[in-house]
């Protein structure tokens, strides 16, 4: 997993990481997210990603059943595809 400091500039934002670092995809948070929500998303996300390798599907699957959280719309996938 690559880590980088991301500025607010669109060129250097999460989408820019995909392009500049040659990453196939970046899972980013578009706003603050609670630790509880981050944990509820992360474990199933990585499990599903390992299972089938599709980050967009893995995110959708990891969000299933978490409705009602105020910070649930925060995660976003940026992909080269």
Protein backbone atom coordinates (compact mmCIF):
# COMPACT_ATOMS: atom_id res chain seq x y z
CA UNK A 1 0.00 0.00 0.00
CA UNK A 2 1.44 3.37 -0.97
CA UNK A 3 1.15 6.35 1.34
CA UNK A 4 1.52 9.96 0.25
CA UNK A 5 0.57 13.38 1.52
CA UNK A 6 -2.27 14.72 -0.61
CA UNK A 7 -2.88 18.44 -1.07
CA UNK A 8 -6.19 20.05 -1.96
CA UNK A 9 -5.07 20.70 -5.55
CA UNK A 10 -6.92 18.54 -8.11
CA UNK A 11 -3.58 17.79 -9.76
CA UNK A 12 -2.17 16.42 -6.51
CA UNK A 13 -5.38 14.98 -5.08
CA UNK A 14 -6.33 11.33 -4.83
CA UNK A 15 -7.02 11.10 -8.54
CA UNK A 16 -3.55 12.54 -9.15
CA UNK A 17 -2.02 9.76 -7.04
CA UNK A 18 -3.55 7.19 -9.35
CA UNK A 19 -1.93 8.85 -12.35
CA UNK A 20 1.38 10.04 -10.88
CA UNK A 21 2.27 6.94 -8.86
CA UNK A 22 0.90 4.48 -11.40
CA UNK A 23 -1.49 2.96 -8.87
CA UNK A 24 -4.43 1.02 -10.29
CA UNK A 25 -6.78 2.59 -7.72
CA UNK A 26 -6.89 4.67 -4.55
CA UNK A 27 -9.50 4.38 -1.81
CA UNK A 28 -9.84 7.86 -0.30
CA UNK A 29 -12.03 9.55 2.26
CA UNK A 30 -13.63 12.73 0.91
CA UNK A 31 -14.28 14.13 4.40
CA UNK A 32 -13.79 13.18 8.02
CA UNK A 33 -14.85 9.67 8.90
CA UNK A 34 -15.27 8.16 12.35
CA UNK A 35 -12.88 5.45 13.48
CA UNK A 36 -15.86 3.14 13.94
CA UNK A 37 -17.00 3.63 10.34
CA UNK A 38 -13.45 3.35 8.97
CA UNK A 39 -13.02 0.07 10.79
CA UNK A 40 -16.40 -1.22 9.65
CA UNK A 41 -15.42 -0.48 6.03
CA UNK A 42 -11.74 -1.51 6.04
CA UNK A 43 -11.91 -5.14 7.13
CA UNK A 44 -14.57 -6.27 4.65
CA UNK A 45 -13.09 -4.03 1.90
CA UNK A 46 -9.69 -5.70 2.04
CA UNK A 47 -11.21 -9.17 2.44
CA UNK A 48 -13.37 -8.68 -0.67
CA UNK A 49 -10.52 -7.03 -2.59
CA UNK A 50 -8.32 -10.05 -1.84
CA UNK A 51 -11.10 -12.39 -2.94
CA UNK A 52 -11.84 -10.89 -6.37
CA UNK A 53 -9.46 -7.94 -6.94
CA UNK A 54 -12.12 -5.40 -7.94
CA UNK A 55 -11.84 -2.28 -5.75
CA UNK A 56 -15.14 -0.71 -6.80
CA UNK A 57 -17.08 -3.89 -6.08
CA UNK A 58 -15.15 -4.44 -2.83
CA UNK A 59 -16.13 -0.94 -1.63
CA UNK A 60 -19.79 -1.48 -2.50
CA UNK A 61 -19.76 -4.84 -0.70
CA UNK A 62 -18.03 -3.36 2.35
CA UNK A 63 -20.66 -0.59 2.61
CA UNK A 64 -23.57 -3.04 2.48
CA UNK A 65 -25.38 -3.16 5.79
CA UNK A 66 -23.85 0.05 7.14
CA UNK A 67 -26.73 2.39 6.28
CA UNK A 68 -27.70 4.95 8.90
CA UNK A 69 -24.17 6.19 9.61
CA UNK A 70 -23.75 9.92 9.05
CA UNK A 71 -20.30 9.51 7.49
CA UNK A 72 -21.03 6.59 5.19
CA UNK A 73 -20.88 8.60 1.94
CA UNK A 74 -17.26 9.64 2.63
CA UNK A 75 -15.27 6.83 0.88
CA UNK A 76 -14.51 7.15 -2.82
CA UNK A 77 -12.56 5.05 -5.33
CA UNK A 78 -10.28 6.79 -7.83
CA UNK A 79 -9.24 4.44 -10.61
CA UNK A 80 -7.17 4.54 -13.79
CA UNK A 81 -9.92 2.56 -15.54
